[in-house]
Amino acid sequence: QVHLVESGGGLVQPGGSLRLSCAASGFGFSFYDMSWYRQGPGKEREFVARIAMDDRSRDYADSVSGRFTISRDDAKSTVYLQMNSLKPEDTAVYYCNVYRASVSHWGQGTQVTVSS
């Protein structure tokens, strides 16, 4: 059974940084692309970043490109999201995602609040 557990969220001031982690289990992590999504207050869930298997490519939403970096550690079955130069509009619940066997799997999310 796929299990995704996000951590690392919290309250940070504008301009600050956070590193999110997503620990995965229940599937062959190294064989799958992994993604981060977010859902801000009163907003639809939106794509943030994706990293391909073997780290052969990384894609970012325009709103975070140049500020966020996605990475993975296949030995630890963990995907990370380094977030720098955070803005109030980055406030959201951040979710880890994997699409496997025609099913989109999600973690429980971790709250990121950017405020002074």
C-alpha atoms as a PDB file:
ATOM      1  CA  GLN A   1       0.000   0.000   0.000  1.00  0.00           C
ATOM      2  CA  VAL A   2       1.356   3.402  -1.008  1.00  0.00           C
ATOM      3  CA  HIS A   3       2.151   5.612   1.944  1.00  0.00           C
ATOM      4  CA  LEU A   4       3.408   9.193   1.681  1.00  0.00           C
ATOM      5  CA  VAL A   5       4.291  11.264   4.753  1.00  0.00           C
ATOM      6  CA  GLU A   6       5.174  14.938   4.406  1.00  0.00           C
ATOM      7  CA  SER A   7       7.055  16.922   7.038  1.00  0.00           C
ATOM      8  CA  GLY A   8       9.004  20.151   7.447  1.00  0.00           C
ATOM      9  CA  GLY A   9       6.259  22.737   7.217  1.00  0.00           C
ATOM     10  CA  GLY A  10       5.874  25.642   9.587  1.00  0.00           C
ATOM     11  CA  LEU A  11       5.701  29.406  10.000  1.00  0.00           C
ATOM     12  CA  VAL A  12       8.370  31.455   8.269  1.00  0.00           C
ATOM     13  CA  GLN A  13       8.867  35.143   7.550  1.00  0.00           C
ATOM     14  CA  PRO A  14       8.833  36.485   3.984  1.00  0.00           C
ATOM     15  CA  GLY A  15      12.215  35.921   2.394  1.00  0.00           C
ATOM     16  CA  GLY A  16      12.877  32.894   4.554  1.00  0.00           C
ATOM     17  CA  SER A  17      13.466  29.257   3.665  1.00  0.00           C
ATOM     18  CA  LEU A  18      12.005  25.856   4.462  1.00  0.00           C
ATOM     19  CA  ARG A  19      12.816  22.328   3.389  1.00  0.00           C
ATOM     20  CA  LEU A  20       9.964  19.892   3.024  1.00  0.00           C
ATOM     21  CA  SER A  21      10.414  16.125   3.031  1.00  0.00           C
ATOM     22  CA  CYS A  22       8.160  13.333   1.825  1.00  0.00           C
ATOM     23  CA  ALA A  23       8.953   9.815   3.011  1.00  0.00           C
ATOM     24  CA  ALA A  24       7.487   7.176   0.712  1.00  0.00           C
ATOM     25  CA  SER A  25       6.804   3.481   1.220  1.00  0.00           C
ATOM     26  CA  GLY A  26       4.784   0.639  -0.273  1.00  0.00           C
ATOM     27  CA  PHE A  27       6.053   0.902  -3.840  1.00  0.00           C
ATOM     28  CA  GLY A  28       9.261   0.938  -5.861  1.00  0.00           C
ATOM     29  CA  PHE A  29      10.133   4.566  -5.230  1.00  0.00           C
ATOM     30  CA  SER A  30      13.099   4.746  -7.604  1.00  0.00           C
ATOM     31  CA  PHE A  31      10.938   3.746 -10.572  1.00  0.00           C
ATOM     32  CA  TYR A  32       8.461   6.625 -10.300  1.00  0.00           C
ATOM     33  CA  ASP A  33       8.308  10.320 -10.938  1.00  0.00           C
ATOM     34  CA  MET A  34       7.466  12.244  -7.768  1.00  0.00           C
ATOM     35  CA  SER A  35       5.658  15.557  -7.478  1.00  0.00           C
ATOM     36  CA  TRP A  36       4.760  18.307  -5.046  1.00  0.00           C
ATOM     37  CA  TYR A  37       1.444  20.152  -5.158  1.00  0.00           C
ATOM     38  CA  ARG A  38      -0.038  22.822  -2.923  1.00  0.00           C
ATOM     39  CA  GLN A  39      -3.429  24.183  -1.980  1.00  0.00           C
ATOM     40  CA  GLY A  40      -3.710  27.701  -0.660  1.00  0.00           C
ATOM     41  CA  PRO A  41      -6.670  29.017   1.349  1.00  0.00           C
ATOM     42  CA  GLY A  42      -9.711  29.222  -0.901  1.00  0.00           C
ATOM     43  CA  LYS A  43      -7.762  27.983  -3.906  1.00  0.00           C
ATOM     44  CA  GLU A  44      -7.618  24.885  -6.068  1.00  0.00           C
ATOM     45  CA  ARG A  45      -4.771  22.430  -5.591  1.00  0.00           C
ATOM     46  CA  GLU A  46      -1.954  23.325  -7.982  1.00  0.00           C
ATOM     47  CA  PHE A  47       1.204  21.761  -9.331  1.00  0.00           C
ATOM     48  CA  VAL A  48       4.477  22.951  -7.803  1.00  0.00           C
ATOM     49  CA  ALA A  49       7.299  20.678  -8.985  1.00  0.00           C
ATOM     50  CA  ARG A  50       8.058  17.239 -10.417  1.00  0.00           C
ATOM     51  CA  ILE A  51      11.210  15.132 -10.497  1.00  0.00           C
ATOM     52  CA  ALA A  52      11.530  12.231 -12.905  1.00  0.00           C
ATOM     53  CA  MET A  53      12.824   8.798 -11.975  1.00  0.00           C
ATOM     54  CA  ASP A  54      16.621   8.723 -12.015  1.00  0.00           C
ATOM     55  CA  ASP A  55      16.483  12.528 -11.649  1.00  0.00           C
ATOM     56  CA  ARG A  56      16.681  12.866 -15.441  1.00  0.00           C
ATOM     57  CA  SER A  57      14.441  15.933 -15.457  1.00  0.00           C
ATOM     58  CA  ARG A  58      12.835  18.443 -13.091  1.00  0.00           C
ATOM     59  CA  ASP A  59       9.857  20.676 -13.834  1.00  0.00           C
ATOM     60  CA  TYR A  60       8.538  23.659 -11.913  1.00  0.00           C
ATOM     61  CA  ALA A  61       5.502  25.890 -11.902  1.00  0.00           C
ATOM     62  CA  ASP A  62       6.335  29.367 -13.164  1.00  0.00           C
ATOM     63  CA  SER A  63       5.392  30.829  -9.784  1.00  0.00           C
ATOM     64  CA  VAL A  64       8.178  28.945  -7.977  1.00  0.00           C
ATOM     65  CA  SER A  65      10.836  28.556 -10.674  1.00  0.00           C
ATOM     66  CA  GLY A  66      14.167  29.920  -9.486  1.00  0.00           C
ATOM     67  CA  ARG A  67      13.125  29.843  -5.830  1.00  0.00           C
ATOM     68  CA  PHE A  68      12.205  26.198  -5.184  1.00  0.00           C
ATOM     69  CA  THR A  69      14.304  23.089  -5.840  1.00  0.00           C
ATOM     70  CA  ILE A  70      12.992  19.533  -5.909  1.00  0.00           C
ATOM     71  CA  SER A  71      15.343  16.629  -5.254  1.00  0.00           C
ATOM     72  CA  ARG A  72      15.197  12.953  -4.343  1.00  0.00           C
ATOM     73  CA  ASP A  73      17.163  10.363  -2.420  1.00  0.00           C
ATOM     74  CA  ASP A  74      16.253   6.935  -3.767  1.00  0.00           C
ATOM     75  CA  ALA A  75      18.221   5.170  -1.021  1.00  0.00           C
ATOM     76  CA  LYS A  76      15.915   6.807   1.532  1.00  0.00           C
ATOM     77  CA  SER A  77      12.753   6.739  -0.634  1.00  0.00           C
ATOM     78  CA  THR A  78      12.386  10.430   0.082  1.00  0.00           C
ATOM     79  CA  VAL A  79      11.647  13.464  -2.056  1.00  0.00           C
ATOM     80  CA  TYR A  80      12.471  16.985  -0.913  1.00  0.00           C
ATOM     81  CA  LEU A  81      11.352  20.496  -1.721  1.00  0.00           C
ATOM     82  CA  GLN A  82      13.798  23.258  -0.819  1.00  0.00           C
ATOM     83  CA  MET A  83      11.913  26.545  -0.726  1.00  0.00           C
ATOM     84  CA  ASN A  84      13.836  29.820  -0.694  1.00  0.00           C
ATOM     85  CA  SER A  85      12.797  33.459  -0.907  1.00  0.00           C
ATOM     86  CA  LEU A  86       9.361  32.541   0.379  1.00  0.00           C
ATOM     87  CA  LYS A  87       6.465  34.899  -0.238  1.00  0.00           C
ATOM     88  CA  PRO A  88       3.106  35.255   1.536  1.00  0.00           C
ATOM     89  CA  GLU A  89       1.447  33.815  -1.572  1.00  0.00           C
ATOM     90  CA  ASP A  90       3.369  30.563  -1.002  1.00  0.00           C
ATOM     91  CA  THR A  91       1.189  29.957   2.060  1.00  0.00           C
ATOM     92  CA  ALA A  92      -0.541  26.630   1.495  1.00  0.00           C
ATOM     93  CA  VAL A  93      -0.772  23.007   2.469  1.00  0.00           C
ATOM     94  CA  TYR A  94       1.918  21.184   0.502  1.00  0.00           C
ATOM     95  CA  TYR A  95       1.257  17.639  -0.699  1.00  0.00           C
ATOM     96  CA  CYS A  96       3.505  14.905  -2.028  1.00  0.00           C
ATOM     97  CA  ASN A  97       2.157  12.909  -4.974  1.00  0.00           C
ATOM     98  CA  VAL A  98       2.892   9.794  -6.979  1.00  0.00           C
ATOM     99  CA  TYR A  99       0.868   8.477  -9.900  1.00  0.00           C
ATOM    100  CA  ARG A 100       1.028   4.706  -9.873  1.00  0.00           C
ATOM    101  CA  ALA A 101      -1.144   2.008 -11.438  1.00  0.00           C
ATOM    102  CA  SER A 102      -3.581   4.616 -12.781  1.00  0.00           C
ATOM    103  CA  VAL A 103      -4.113   6.007  -9.293  1.00  0.00           C
ATOM    104  CA  SER A 104      -2.931   9.333  -7.924  1.00  0.00           C
ATOM    105  CA  HIS A 105      -1.694   8.913  -4.352  1.00  0.00           C
ATOM    106  CA  TRP A 106      -1.402  11.763  -1.874  1.00  0.00           C
ATOM    107  CA  GLY A 107       0.076  12.330   1.533  1.00  0.00           C
ATOM    108  CA  GLN A 108      -1.730  14.116   4.356  1.00  0.00           C
ATOM    109  CA  GLY A 109       0.025  17.400   3.599  1.00  0.00           C
ATOM    110  CA  THR A 110       2.156  19.803   5.606  1.00  0.00           C
ATOM    111  CA  GLN A 111       1.186  23.411   6.309  1.00  0.00           C
ATOM    112  CA  VAL A 112       3.484  26.223   5.210  1.00  0.00           C
ATOM    113  CA  THR A 113       2.630  29.719   6.401  1.00  0.00           C
ATOM    114  CA  VAL A 114       4.625  32.718   5.210  1.00  0.00           C
ATOM    115  CA  SER A 115       3.885  35.755   7.335  1.00  0.00           C
ATOM    116  CA  SER A 116       5.594  38.513   9.263  1.00  0.00           C
END
